[in-house]
Amino acid sequence: MRPLLFALCAALPAYSAPAQSAQPVSPASCWLFGAKLGVSAFQWHNARLNSNGSLLRPTAALNAGRYVAAARLSLHAEALVEQRYHFTQRPLYVLLPLYLRTGMPTGRFHMVLGGGWGRQLGSGSPRLNEKHHPNEAFGTLGLEVGVGRQATRHAASLGLYYRRGTTGYTYYSYSPGGQYFADAKDQPQSLSLTLNYFLLR
């Protein structure tokens, strides 16, 4: 019995070492550079539950961020281009989000919270029955899930993001007595699904 006990005690470090190495280790602070590609559904919405939206349109982005190991957070800046409305119109918008992303770069789940500013590219407007706003401020909330095999120098994720504008159109009407008042305000909102890829440096 004693020889067996000694053999088990001697073998324990050999079995525990792989288990310890399998535990996720927070990497040091690093830079992240990446790209996103996906689809986005854009819509105007107001308090009267009226809406005016579009079908799924393509969206793409370039991304740079800094991961802070002590906080397990990364701060990201992004340049995003999305298409709205019909292909034959002037549908392109460039958006500049700035957001916080939780978790390690190679982690499985991430929350995204931030905001930014956007602008229509070029002149012109969509069709008459479709609203547009040349300048736009917005907030964004998202969830990312790691996909594939996460490595020490690169990571991939699938992201779902909800964005709501803080700017919009205010409609004015006249009351029967002739008073001019704000009737409704349309605000932009969108839901995006993207595949994200990051390089860690």
N, C-alpha and C. Protein backbone atom coordinates (compact mmCIF):
# COMPACT_ATOMS: atom_id res chain seq x y z
N MET A 1 0.83 -1.21 0.00
CA MET A 1 0.00 0.00 0.00
C MET A 1 0.86 1.26 0.00
N ARG A 2 1.94 1.27 0.85
CA ARG A 2 2.80 2.45 0.90
C ARG A 2 3.48 2.73 -0.44
N PRO A 3 4.04 1.68 -1.10
CA PRO A 3 4.63 1.97 -2.42
C PRO A 3 3.63 2.57 -3.40
N LEU A 4 2.38 2.09 -3.36
CA LEU A 4 1.35 2.63 -4.25
C LEU A 4 1.05 4.08 -3.91
N LEU A 5 0.99 4.40 -2.60
CA LEU A 5 0.72 5.77 -2.16
C LEU A 5 1.83 6.71 -2.61
N PHE A 6 3.09 6.25 -2.44
CA PHE A 6 4.23 7.06 -2.86
C PHE A 6 4.21 7.28 -4.38
N ALA A 7 3.81 6.24 -5.12
CA ALA A 7 3.75 6.37 -6.58
C ALA A 7 2.70 7.37 -7.01
N LEU A 8 1.54 7.35 -6.32
CA LEU A 8 0.48 8.32 -6.64
C LEU A 8 0.92 9.74 -6.32
N CYS A 9 1.60 9.92 -5.17
CA CYS A 9 2.07 11.26 -4.79
C CYS A 9 3.11 11.77 -5.78
N ALA A 10 3.96 10.87 -6.26
CA ALA A 10 4.97 11.27 -7.23
C ALA A 10 4.36 11.63 -8.57
N ALA A 11 3.28 10.96 -8.93
CA ALA A 11 2.65 11.21 -10.23
C ALA A 11 1.73 12.42 -10.22
N LEU A 12 1.32 12.88 -9.03
CA LEU A 12 0.36 13.99 -8.93
C LEU A 12 0.86 15.26 -9.61
N PRO A 13 2.13 15.70 -9.39
CA PRO A 13 2.58 16.91 -10.09
C PRO A 13 2.53 16.78 -11.60
N ALA A 14 2.82 15.59 -12.12
CA ALA A 14 2.80 15.40 -13.57
C ALA A 14 1.40 15.53 -14.13
N TYR A 15 0.37 15.10 -13.36
CA TYR A 15 -1.01 15.22 -13.82
C TYR A 15 -1.55 16.63 -13.62
N SER A 16 -1.09 17.31 -12.57
CA SER A 16 -1.62 18.65 -12.28
C SER A 16 -1.04 19.70 -13.20
N ALA A 17 0.20 19.48 -13.69
CA ALA A 17 0.82 20.49 -14.55
C ALA A 17 0.02 20.75 -15.82
N PRO A 18 -0.43 19.72 -16.57
CA PRO A 18 -1.24 20.01 -17.75
C PRO A 18 -2.55 20.68 -17.41
N ALA A 19 -3.16 20.32 -16.29
CA ALA A 19 -4.42 20.94 -15.91
C ALA A 19 -4.23 22.42 -15.62
N GLN A 20 -3.08 22.76 -14.96
CA GLN A 20 -2.83 24.16 -14.67
C GLN A 20 -2.55 24.94 -15.95
N SER A 21 -1.81 24.31 -16.87
CA SER A 21 -1.50 25.02 -18.11
C SER A 21 -2.73 25.22 -18.97
N ALA A 22 -3.78 24.42 -18.76
CA ALA A 22 -4.99 24.56 -19.56
C ALA A 22 -5.85 25.72 -19.11
N GLN A 23 -5.58 26.26 -17.91
CA GLN A 23 -6.37 27.37 -17.42
C GLN A 23 -6.06 28.62 -18.24
N PRO A 24 -7.08 29.44 -18.55
CA PRO A 24 -6.83 30.66 -19.32
C PRO A 24 -5.97 31.63 -18.52
N VAL A 25 -4.98 32.19 -19.17
CA VAL A 25 -4.08 33.14 -18.54
C VAL A 25 -4.27 34.49 -19.22
N SER A 26 -4.45 35.53 -18.42
CA SER A 26 -4.64 36.85 -18.98
C SER A 26 -3.36 37.33 -19.63
N PRO A 27 -3.41 37.69 -20.92
CA PRO A 27 -2.19 38.16 -21.59
C PRO A 27 -1.80 39.54 -21.08
N ALA A 28 -0.59 39.93 -21.38
CA ALA A 28 -0.14 41.26 -21.01
C ALA A 28 -0.88 42.29 -21.85
N SER A 29 -0.82 43.54 -21.41
CA SER A 29 -1.44 44.61 -22.18
C SER A 29 -0.87 44.62 -23.60
N CYS A 30 -1.73 44.84 -24.58
CA CYS A 30 -1.29 44.75 -25.97
C CYS A 30 -2.20 45.60 -26.85
N TRP A 31 -1.77 45.78 -28.09
CA TRP A 31 -2.56 46.47 -29.10
C TRP A 31 -3.36 45.45 -29.91
N LEU A 32 -4.54 45.85 -30.35
CA LEU A 32 -5.37 45.01 -31.20
C LEU A 32 -5.68 45.76 -32.50
N PHE A 33 -5.49 45.09 -33.61
CA PHE A 33 -5.81 45.65 -34.92
C PHE A 33 -6.68 44.64 -35.66
N GLY A 34 -7.80 45.12 -36.20
CA GLY A 34 -8.71 44.15 -36.80
C GLY A 34 -9.62 44.73 -37.85
N ALA A 35 -10.50 43.87 -38.34
CA ALA A 35 -11.48 44.23 -39.36
C ALA A 35 -12.79 43.52 -39.08
N LYS A 36 -13.88 44.12 -39.56
CA LYS A 36 -15.21 43.54 -39.40
C LYS A 36 -15.92 43.54 -40.75
N LEU A 37 -16.72 42.51 -40.96
CA LEU A 37 -17.51 42.41 -42.19
C LEU A 37 -18.83 41.74 -41.86
N GLY A 38 -19.94 42.34 -42.31
CA GLY A 38 -21.24 41.75 -42.00
C GLY A 38 -22.38 42.47 -42.66
N VAL A 39 -23.54 42.41 -42.01
CA VAL A 39 -24.76 43.03 -42.53
C VAL A 39 -25.40 43.87 -41.43
N SER A 40 -26.18 44.86 -41.86
CA SER A 40 -26.84 45.76 -40.92
C SER A 40 -28.24 46.09 -41.43
N ALA A 41 -29.19 46.13 -40.52
CA ALA A 41 -30.57 46.54 -40.83
C ALA A 41 -30.82 47.89 -40.17
N PHE A 42 -31.14 48.90 -40.97
CA PHE A 42 -31.30 50.27 -40.49
C PHE A 42 -32.77 50.66 -40.52
N GLN A 43 -33.18 51.50 -39.55
CA GLN A 43 -34.59 51.88 -39.45
C GLN A 43 -34.73 53.22 -38.74
N TRP A 44 -35.72 54.00 -39.20
CA TRP A 44 -36.15 55.20 -38.46
C TRP A 44 -37.35 54.83 -37.62
N HIS A 45 -37.43 55.37 -36.40
CA HIS A 45 -38.47 54.97 -35.46
C HIS A 45 -38.87 56.17 -34.62
N ASN A 46 -40.18 56.28 -34.29
CA ASN A 46 -40.61 57.37 -33.41
C ASN A 46 -41.56 56.86 -32.35
N ALA A 47 -41.98 57.76 -31.45
CA ALA A 47 -42.81 57.39 -30.31
C ALA A 47 -44.18 56.89 -30.73
N ARG A 48 -44.61 57.21 -31.92
CA ARG A 48 -45.91 56.74 -32.41
C ARG A 48 -45.84 55.32 -33.01
N LEU A 49 -44.67 54.72 -32.90
CA LEU A 49 -44.42 53.35 -33.39
C LEU A 49 -44.48 53.27 -34.91
N ASN A 50 -44.35 54.43 -35.56
CA ASN A 50 -44.21 54.41 -37.01
C ASN A 50 -42.75 54.13 -37.34
N SER A 51 -42.51 53.43 -38.41
CA SER A 51 -41.13 53.11 -38.76
C SER A 51 -40.95 53.17 -40.27
N ASN A 52 -39.73 53.40 -40.66
CA ASN A 52 -39.35 53.43 -42.07
C ASN A 52 -37.96 52.84 -42.15
N GLY A 53 -37.82 51.67 -42.73
CA GLY A 53 -36.54 50.98 -42.65
C GLY A 53 -36.06 50.47 -43.98
N SER A 54 -35.06 49.61 -43.92
CA SER A 54 -34.45 49.06 -45.11
C SER A 54 -34.25 47.57 -44.94
N LEU A 55 -33.87 46.91 -46.02
CA LEU A 55 -33.49 45.52 -45.96
C LEU A 55 -32.07 45.42 -45.43
N LEU A 56 -31.57 44.20 -45.32
CA LEU A 56 -30.19 44.01 -44.87
C LEU A 56 -29.24 44.62 -45.88
N ARG A 57 -28.28 45.38 -45.38
CA ARG A 57 -27.28 46.01 -46.23
C ARG A 57 -25.88 45.68 -45.69
N PRO A 58 -24.86 45.71 -46.55
CA PRO A 58 -23.51 45.36 -46.10
C PRO A 58 -22.89 46.44 -45.22
N THR A 59 -22.00 46.02 -44.34
CA THR A 59 -21.24 46.92 -43.49
C THR A 59 -19.84 46.36 -43.30
N ALA A 60 -18.85 47.25 -43.20
CA ALA A 60 -17.46 46.83 -43.02
C ALA A 60 -16.75 47.88 -42.17
N ALA A 61 -15.72 47.45 -41.45
CA ALA A 61 -15.03 48.36 -40.54
C ALA A 61 -13.57 47.95 -40.36
N LEU A 62 -12.73 48.95 -40.05
CA LEU A 62 -11.37 48.75 -39.58
C LEU A 62 -11.33 49.18 -38.12
N ASN A 63 -10.57 48.44 -37.30
CA ASN A 63 -10.64 48.61 -35.86
C ASN A 63 -9.24 48.61 -35.26
N ALA A 64 -9.03 49.47 -34.25
CA ALA A 64 -7.78 49.48 -33.49
C ALA A 64 -8.13 49.67 -32.02
N GLY A 65 -7.44 48.96 -31.15
CA GLY A 65 -7.74 49.05 -29.73
C GLY A 65 -6.53 48.77 -28.86
N ARG A 66 -6.68 49.09 -27.59
CA ARG A 66 -5.63 48.84 -26.60
C ARG A 66 -6.22 48.05 -25.45
N TYR A 67 -5.67 46.85 -25.21
CA TYR A 67 -6.12 46.00 -24.11
C TYR A 67 -5.29 46.32 -22.87
N VAL A 68 -5.99 46.56 -21.74
CA VAL A 68 -5.35 46.83 -20.45
C VAL A 68 -5.54 45.61 -19.57
N ALA A 69 -4.46 44.88 -19.32
CA ALA A 69 -4.56 43.61 -18.60
C ALA A 69 -5.07 43.79 -17.18
N ALA A 70 -4.68 44.88 -16.51
CA ALA A 70 -5.07 45.08 -15.12
C ALA A 70 -6.58 45.21 -14.97
N ALA A 71 -7.24 45.79 -15.96
CA ALA A 71 -8.69 46.00 -15.90
C ALA A 71 -9.46 44.96 -16.70
N ARG A 72 -8.76 44.15 -17.50
CA ARG A 72 -9.40 43.20 -18.41
C ARG A 72 -10.44 43.89 -19.28
N LEU A 73 -10.06 45.05 -19.78
CA LEU A 73 -10.88 45.85 -20.68
C LEU A 73 -10.02 46.31 -21.84
N SER A 74 -10.65 46.55 -22.97
CA SER A 74 -9.95 47.17 -24.10
C SER A 74 -10.77 48.34 -24.61
N LEU A 75 -10.07 49.39 -25.02
CA LEU A 75 -10.69 50.58 -25.59
C LEU A 75 -10.44 50.56 -27.09
N HIS A 76 -11.52 50.69 -27.86
CA HIS A 76 -11.43 50.55 -29.31
C HIS A 76 -11.93 51.80 -30.02
N ALA A 77 -11.27 52.12 -31.12
CA ALA A 77 -11.73 53.14 -32.07
C ALA A 77 -11.94 52.45 -33.40
N GLU A 78 -12.98 52.88 -34.11
CA GLU A 78 -13.37 52.14 -35.31
C GLU A 78 -13.76 53.11 -36.42
N ALA A 79 -13.49 52.73 -37.64
CA ALA A 79 -13.98 53.44 -38.82
C ALA A 79 -14.86 52.48 -39.59
N LEU A 80 -16.16 52.75 -39.59
CA LEU A 80 -17.15 51.82 -40.12
C LEU A 80 -17.90 52.46 -41.28
N VAL A 81 -18.08 51.71 -42.34
CA VAL A 81 -18.86 52.16 -43.49
C VAL A 81 -20.04 51.23 -43.66
N GLU A 82 -21.23 51.80 -43.80
CA GLU A 82 -22.41 50.97 -44.01
C GLU A 82 -23.26 51.56 -45.12
N GLN A 83 -24.02 50.70 -45.75
CA GLN A 83 -24.91 51.12 -46.83
C GLN A 83 -26.34 51.14 -46.32
N ARG A 84 -27.03 52.22 -46.64
CA ARG A 84 -28.44 52.35 -46.24
C ARG A 84 -29.30 52.55 -47.49
N TYR A 85 -30.55 52.15 -47.37
CA TYR A 85 -31.51 52.36 -48.44
C TYR A 85 -31.15 51.56 -49.69
N HIS A 86 -31.39 52.12 -50.85
CA HIS A 86 -31.25 51.39 -52.11
C HIS A 86 -29.87 51.63 -52.73
N PHE A 87 -29.39 50.65 -53.48
CA PHE A 87 -28.06 50.74 -54.07
C PHE A 87 -27.93 51.91 -55.05
N THR A 88 -29.04 52.33 -55.67
CA THR A 88 -28.97 53.37 -56.69
C THR A 88 -28.95 54.77 -56.10
N GLN A 89 -29.13 54.90 -54.78
CA GLN A 89 -29.15 56.21 -54.16
C GLN A 89 -27.75 56.55 -53.62
N ARG A 90 -27.69 57.55 -52.74
CA ARG A 90 -26.45 57.93 -52.07
C ARG A 90 -26.50 57.34 -50.66
N PRO A 91 -26.24 56.03 -50.52
CA PRO A 91 -26.58 55.37 -49.27
C PRO A 91 -25.44 55.23 -48.27
N LEU A 92 -24.20 55.58 -48.64
CA LEU A 92 -23.07 55.26 -47.78
C LEU A 92 -22.92 56.24 -46.62
N TYR A 93 -22.70 55.68 -45.44
CA TYR A 93 -22.42 56.47 -44.25
C TYR A 93 -21.11 55.98 -43.65
N VAL A 94 -20.30 56.90 -43.14
CA VAL A 94 -19.12 56.53 -42.38
C VAL A 94 -19.40 56.85 -40.91
N LEU A 95 -19.15 55.88 -40.04
CA LEU A 95 -19.40 56.01 -38.61
C LEU A 95 -18.08 55.82 -37.86
N LEU A 96 -17.90 56.58 -36.79
CA LEU A 96 -16.68 56.53 -36.00
C LEU A 96 -17.02 56.18 -34.55
N PRO A 97 -17.23 54.90 -34.25
CA PRO A 97 -17.54 54.50 -32.88
C PRO A 97 -16.29 54.47 -32.00
N LEU A 98 -16.49 54.75 -30.72
CA LEU A 98 -15.48 54.61 -29.68
C LEU A 98 -16.14 53.83 -28.56
N TYR A 99 -15.56 52.67 -28.17
CA TYR A 99 -16.27 51.83 -27.21
C TYR A 99 -15.31 51.03 -26.33
N LEU A 100 -15.86 50.54 -25.21
CA LEU A 100 -15.16 49.64 -24.30
C LEU A 100 -15.59 48.21 -24.59
N ARG A 101 -14.65 47.29 -24.52
CA ARG A 101 -14.91 45.86 -24.77
C ARG A 101 -14.38 45.07 -23.57
N THR A 102 -15.24 44.29 -22.94
CA THR A 102 -14.85 43.57 -21.74
C THR A 102 -14.15 42.26 -22.10
N GLY A 103 -13.36 41.75 -21.14
CA GLY A 103 -12.74 40.44 -21.28
C GLY A 103 -11.40 40.47 -21.99
N MET A 104 -10.69 39.34 -21.88
CA MET A 104 -9.41 39.18 -22.56
C MET A 104 -9.62 39.14 -24.07
N PRO A 105 -8.62 39.56 -24.85
CA PRO A 105 -8.78 39.54 -26.31
C PRO A 105 -9.11 38.16 -26.86
N THR A 106 -8.59 37.12 -26.22
CA THR A 106 -8.84 35.75 -26.68
C THR A 106 -9.94 35.06 -25.88
N GLY A 107 -10.70 35.83 -25.10
CA GLY A 107 -11.79 35.27 -24.30
C GLY A 107 -12.96 34.84 -25.17
N ARG A 108 -13.93 34.19 -24.53
CA ARG A 108 -15.06 33.65 -25.28
C ARG A 108 -16.21 34.64 -25.41
N PHE A 109 -16.46 35.46 -24.36
CA PHE A 109 -17.59 36.39 -24.39
C PHE A 109 -17.10 37.80 -24.10
N HIS A 110 -17.71 38.77 -24.79
CA HIS A 110 -17.35 40.18 -24.62
C HIS A 110 -18.62 41.03 -24.68
N MET A 111 -18.70 42.02 -23.80
CA MET A 111 -19.73 43.05 -23.88
C MET A 111 -19.11 44.31 -24.47
N VAL A 112 -19.90 45.02 -25.26
CA VAL A 112 -19.43 46.24 -25.91
C VAL A 112 -20.37 47.38 -25.55
N LEU A 113 -19.79 48.52 -25.14
CA LEU A 113 -20.58 49.69 -24.76
C LEU A 113 -19.83 50.94 -25.19
N GLY A 114 -20.53 51.83 -25.91
CA GLY A 114 -19.87 53.05 -26.35
C GLY A 114 -20.80 53.94 -27.15
N GLY A 115 -20.22 54.75 -28.00
CA GLY A 115 -20.98 55.69 -28.81
C GLY A 115 -20.08 56.29 -29.87
N GLY A 116 -20.61 57.24 -30.62
CA GLY A 116 -19.79 57.84 -31.65
C GLY A 116 -20.56 58.83 -32.50
N TRP A 117 -20.00 59.11 -33.65
CA TRP A 117 -20.53 60.12 -34.57
C TRP A 117 -20.45 59.58 -35.99
N GLY A 118 -21.41 59.94 -36.83
CA GLY A 118 -21.41 59.49 -38.21
C GLY A 118 -21.79 60.59 -39.17
N ARG A 119 -21.46 60.36 -40.43
CA ARG A 119 -21.76 61.35 -41.46
C ARG A 119 -22.02 60.66 -42.79
N GLN A 120 -22.94 61.23 -43.55
CA GLN A 120 -23.23 60.72 -44.89
C GLN A 120 -22.07 61.03 -45.82
N LEU A 121 -21.69 60.06 -46.65
CA LEU A 121 -20.63 60.27 -47.63
C LEU A 121 -21.21 60.81 -48.92
N GLY A 122 -20.66 61.90 -49.40
CA GLY A 122 -21.11 62.47 -50.65
C GLY A 122 -22.35 63.32 -50.48
N SER A 123 -22.82 63.86 -51.59
CA SER A 123 -24.03 64.70 -51.58
C SER A 123 -25.22 63.87 -52.03
N GLY A 124 -26.35 64.52 -52.06
CA GLY A 124 -27.56 63.82 -52.49
C GLY A 124 -28.32 63.26 -51.32
N SER A 125 -29.44 62.63 -51.61
CA SER A 125 -30.30 62.07 -50.57
C SER A 125 -30.99 60.83 -51.10
N PRO A 126 -31.55 60.01 -50.22
CA PRO A 126 -32.31 58.85 -50.67
C PRO A 126 -33.59 59.26 -51.38
N ARG A 127 -34.39 58.28 -51.73
CA ARG A 127 -35.67 58.57 -52.37
C ARG A 127 -36.54 59.42 -51.46
N LEU A 128 -37.54 60.08 -52.04
CA LEU A 128 -38.32 61.05 -51.29
C LEU A 128 -39.02 60.46 -50.08
N ASN A 129 -39.38 59.19 -50.13
CA ASN A 129 -40.11 58.60 -49.01
C ASN A 129 -39.17 58.00 -47.97
N GLU A 130 -37.86 58.26 -48.09
CA GLU A 130 -36.90 57.74 -47.13
C GLU A 130 -36.12 58.89 -46.50
N LYS A 131 -36.14 58.92 -45.18
CA LYS A 131 -35.47 59.99 -44.44
C LYS A 131 -33.96 59.76 -44.43
N HIS A 132 -33.22 60.82 -44.24
CA HIS A 132 -31.79 60.68 -44.03
C HIS A 132 -31.33 61.85 -43.17
N HIS A 133 -30.20 61.66 -42.52
CA HIS A 133 -29.64 62.70 -41.67
C HIS A 133 -28.16 62.79 -42.00
N PRO A 134 -27.67 63.94 -42.47
CA PRO A 134 -26.27 64.02 -42.90
C PRO A 134 -25.27 63.87 -41.76
N ASN A 135 -25.66 64.27 -40.55
CA ASN A 135 -24.79 64.11 -39.38
C ASN A 135 -25.55 63.37 -38.30
N GLU A 136 -24.86 62.50 -37.58
CA GLU A 136 -25.56 61.61 -36.67
C GLU A 136 -24.68 61.27 -35.46
N ALA A 137 -25.25 61.43 -34.26
CA ALA A 137 -24.60 60.96 -33.04
C ALA A 137 -25.37 59.74 -32.54
N PHE A 138 -24.68 58.80 -31.91
CA PHE A 138 -25.35 57.55 -31.54
C PHE A 138 -24.66 56.90 -30.34
N GLY A 139 -25.40 55.98 -29.70
CA GLY A 139 -24.86 55.09 -28.69
C GLY A 139 -24.95 53.66 -29.20
N THR A 140 -24.08 52.80 -28.70
CA THR A 140 -24.06 51.42 -29.19
C THR A 140 -23.87 50.44 -28.04
N LEU A 141 -24.51 49.28 -28.17
CA LEU A 141 -24.44 48.20 -27.19
C LEU A 141 -24.29 46.90 -27.97
N GLY A 142 -23.38 46.02 -27.53
CA GLY A 142 -23.16 44.81 -28.30
C GLY A 142 -22.69 43.63 -27.47
N LEU A 143 -22.74 42.47 -28.11
CA LEU A 143 -22.26 41.22 -27.53
C LEU A 143 -21.43 40.50 -28.58
N GLU A 144 -20.23 40.06 -28.19
CA GLU A 144 -19.37 39.30 -29.08
C GLU A 144 -19.08 37.93 -28.49
N VAL A 145 -19.07 36.92 -29.34
CA VAL A 145 -18.78 35.54 -28.93
C VAL A 145 -17.61 35.04 -29.76
N GLY A 146 -16.56 34.56 -29.08
CA GLY A 146 -15.40 34.05 -29.78
C GLY A 146 -15.74 32.82 -30.61
N VAL A 147 -15.18 32.74 -31.80
CA VAL A 147 -15.42 31.59 -32.68
C VAL A 147 -14.07 31.02 -33.11
N GLY A 148 -14.06 29.74 -33.40
CA GLY A 148 -12.83 29.10 -33.83
C GLY A 148 -11.85 28.94 -32.69
N ARG A 149 -10.64 28.59 -33.05
CA ARG A 149 -9.59 28.38 -32.07
C ARG A 149 -8.89 29.70 -31.79
N GLN A 150 -8.92 30.14 -30.55
CA GLN A 150 -8.30 31.39 -30.16
C GLN A 150 -6.80 31.16 -29.91
N ALA A 151 -5.94 31.96 -30.54
CA ALA A 151 -4.50 31.83 -30.39
C ALA A 151 -3.95 33.02 -29.62
N THR A 152 -2.65 32.99 -29.35
CA THR A 152 -2.05 34.06 -28.57
C THR A 152 -1.86 35.33 -29.39
N ARG A 153 -1.84 35.22 -30.72
CA ARG A 153 -1.58 36.38 -31.56
C ARG A 153 -2.75 36.78 -32.45
N HIS A 154 -3.83 36.06 -32.40
CA HIS A 154 -5.00 36.47 -33.19
C HIS A 154 -6.26 35.87 -32.57
N ALA A 155 -7.40 36.48 -32.86
CA ALA A 155 -8.68 36.04 -32.31
C ALA A 155 -9.79 36.42 -33.28
N ALA A 156 -10.85 35.64 -33.27
CA ALA A 156 -12.02 35.91 -34.12
C ALA A 156 -13.28 35.84 -33.27
N SER A 157 -14.27 36.62 -33.64
CA SER A 157 -15.53 36.62 -32.89
C SER A 157 -16.69 36.96 -33.81
N LEU A 158 -17.88 36.60 -33.37
CA LEU A 158 -19.12 36.95 -34.05
C LEU A 158 -19.82 37.99 -33.17
N GLY A 159 -20.12 39.16 -33.74
CA GLY A 159 -20.66 40.26 -32.95
C GLY A 159 -22.07 40.66 -33.36
N LEU A 160 -22.90 40.96 -32.37
CA LEU A 160 -24.25 41.48 -32.58
C LEU A 160 -24.33 42.82 -31.88
N TYR A 161 -24.68 43.89 -32.61
CA TYR A 161 -24.64 45.24 -32.08
C TYR A 161 -25.96 45.96 -32.34
N TYR A 162 -26.40 46.70 -31.32
CA TYR A 162 -27.57 47.56 -31.46
C TYR A 162 -27.10 49.00 -31.35
N ARG A 163 -27.47 49.82 -32.30
CA ARG A 163 -27.06 51.22 -32.31
C ARG A 163 -28.30 52.11 -32.41
N ARG A 164 -28.36 53.13 -31.57
CA ARG A 164 -29.51 54.05 -31.57
C ARG A 164 -28.99 55.47 -31.62
N GLY A 165 -29.53 56.24 -32.56
CA GLY A 165 -29.11 57.62 -32.72
C GLY A 165 -29.70 58.54 -31.68
N THR A 166 -28.94 59.55 -31.32
CA THR A 166 -29.44 60.59 -30.42
C THR A 166 -29.87 61.83 -31.19
N THR A 167 -29.64 61.84 -32.49
CA THR A 167 -30.11 62.91 -33.36
C THR A 167 -31.26 62.37 -34.21
N GLY A 168 -32.04 63.25 -34.77
CA GLY A 168 -33.17 62.81 -35.58
C GLY A 168 -33.96 63.98 -36.12
N TYR A 169 -35.05 63.67 -36.77
CA TYR A 169 -35.93 64.68 -37.33
C TYR A 169 -37.09 64.96 -36.38
N THR A 170 -37.37 66.22 -36.15
CA THR A 170 -38.53 66.62 -35.37
C THR A 170 -39.59 67.19 -36.32
N TYR A 171 -40.78 66.64 -36.24
CA TYR A 171 -41.89 67.09 -37.08
C TYR A 171 -42.75 68.08 -36.30
N TYR A 172 -43.13 69.17 -36.95
CA TYR A 172 -43.94 70.20 -36.31
C TYR A 172 -45.31 70.27 -36.98
N SER A 173 -46.31 70.58 -36.17
CA SER A 173 -47.69 70.69 -36.67
C SER A 173 -48.35 71.93 -36.07
N TYR A 174 -49.49 72.29 -36.65
CA TYR A 174 -50.27 73.41 -36.14
C TYR A 174 -51.51 72.87 -35.44
N SER A 175 -51.79 73.41 -34.26
CA SER A 175 -53.02 73.04 -33.55
C SER A 175 -54.19 73.80 -34.17
N PRO A 176 -55.44 73.40 -33.85
CA PRO A 176 -56.60 74.14 -34.39
C PRO A 176 -56.56 75.62 -34.07
N GLY A 177 -55.91 76.00 -32.98
CA GLY A 177 -55.83 77.42 -32.63
C GLY A 177 -54.68 78.13 -33.32
N GLY A 178 -53.93 77.41 -34.15
CA GLY A 178 -52.84 78.03 -34.88
C GLY A 178 -51.50 77.97 -34.18
N GLN A 179 -51.42 77.23 -33.06
CA GLN A 179 -50.16 77.14 -32.33
C GLN A 179 -49.23 76.13 -33.00
N TYR A 180 -47.96 76.48 -33.12
CA TYR A 180 -46.95 75.63 -33.76
C TYR A 180 -46.29 74.77 -32.68
N PHE A 181 -46.31 73.44 -32.82
CA PHE A 181 -45.76 72.58 -31.78
C PHE A 181 -45.05 71.37 -32.40
N ALA A 182 -44.14 70.78 -31.61
CA ALA A 182 -43.42 69.59 -32.06
C ALA A 182 -44.36 68.39 -31.99
N ASP A 183 -44.52 67.71 -33.10
CA ASP A 183 -45.47 66.60 -33.19
C ASP A 183 -44.81 65.26 -32.91
N ALA A 184 -43.68 64.98 -33.51
CA ALA A 184 -43.01 63.69 -33.34
C ALA A 184 -41.55 63.84 -33.73
N LYS A 185 -40.72 62.92 -33.24
CA LYS A 185 -39.30 62.93 -33.57
C LYS A 185 -38.87 61.53 -34.00
N ASP A 186 -38.35 61.44 -35.20
CA ASP A 186 -37.83 60.17 -35.71
C ASP A 186 -36.36 60.04 -35.36
N GLN A 187 -35.97 58.89 -34.83
CA GLN A 187 -34.58 58.63 -34.49
C GLN A 187 -34.09 57.38 -35.21
N PRO A 188 -32.83 57.37 -35.66
CA PRO A 188 -32.31 56.20 -36.36
C PRO A 188 -31.89 55.10 -35.39
N GLN A 189 -32.06 53.86 -35.80
CA GLN A 189 -31.57 52.73 -35.03
C GLN A 189 -31.20 51.61 -36.00
N SER A 190 -30.29 50.75 -35.58
CA SER A 190 -29.87 49.67 -36.46
C SER A 190 -29.43 48.46 -35.64
N LEU A 191 -29.45 47.31 -36.28
CA LEU A 191 -28.99 46.06 -35.69
C LEU A 191 -28.02 45.43 -36.68
N SER A 192 -26.80 45.13 -36.21
CA SER A 192 -25.75 44.63 -37.09
C SER A 192 -25.22 43.30 -36.61
N LEU A 193 -24.86 42.45 -37.56
CA LEU A 193 -24.22 41.17 -37.28
C LEU A 193 -22.94 41.11 -38.11
N THR A 194 -21.79 40.96 -37.43
CA THR A 194 -20.51 40.99 -38.14
C THR A 194 -19.60 39.87 -37.67
N LEU A 195 -18.69 39.49 -38.56
CA LEU A 195 -17.60 38.58 -38.23
C LEU A 195 -16.36 39.44 -38.03
N ASN A 196 -15.71 39.29 -36.88
CA ASN A 196 -14.60 40.15 -36.50
C ASN A 196 -13.30 39.35 -36.40
N TYR A 197 -12.21 39.97 -36.82
CA TYR A 197 -10.90 39.33 -36.74
C TYR A 197 -9.90 40.34 -36.18
N PHE A 198 -9.10 39.91 -35.18
CA PHE A 198 -8.14 40.79 -34.52
C PHE A 198 -6.75 40.17 -34.52
N LEU A 199 -5.76 41.02 -34.75
CA LEU A 199 -4.36 40.67 -34.54
C LEU A 199 -3.89 41.31 -33.25
N LEU A 200 -3.17 40.58 -32.42
CA LEU A 200 -2.67 41.08 -31.14
C LEU A 200 -1.19 41.38 -31.27
N ARG A 201 -0.81 42.60 -30.90
CA ARG A 201 0.59 43.01 -30.99
C ARG A 201 1.06 43.70 -29.71
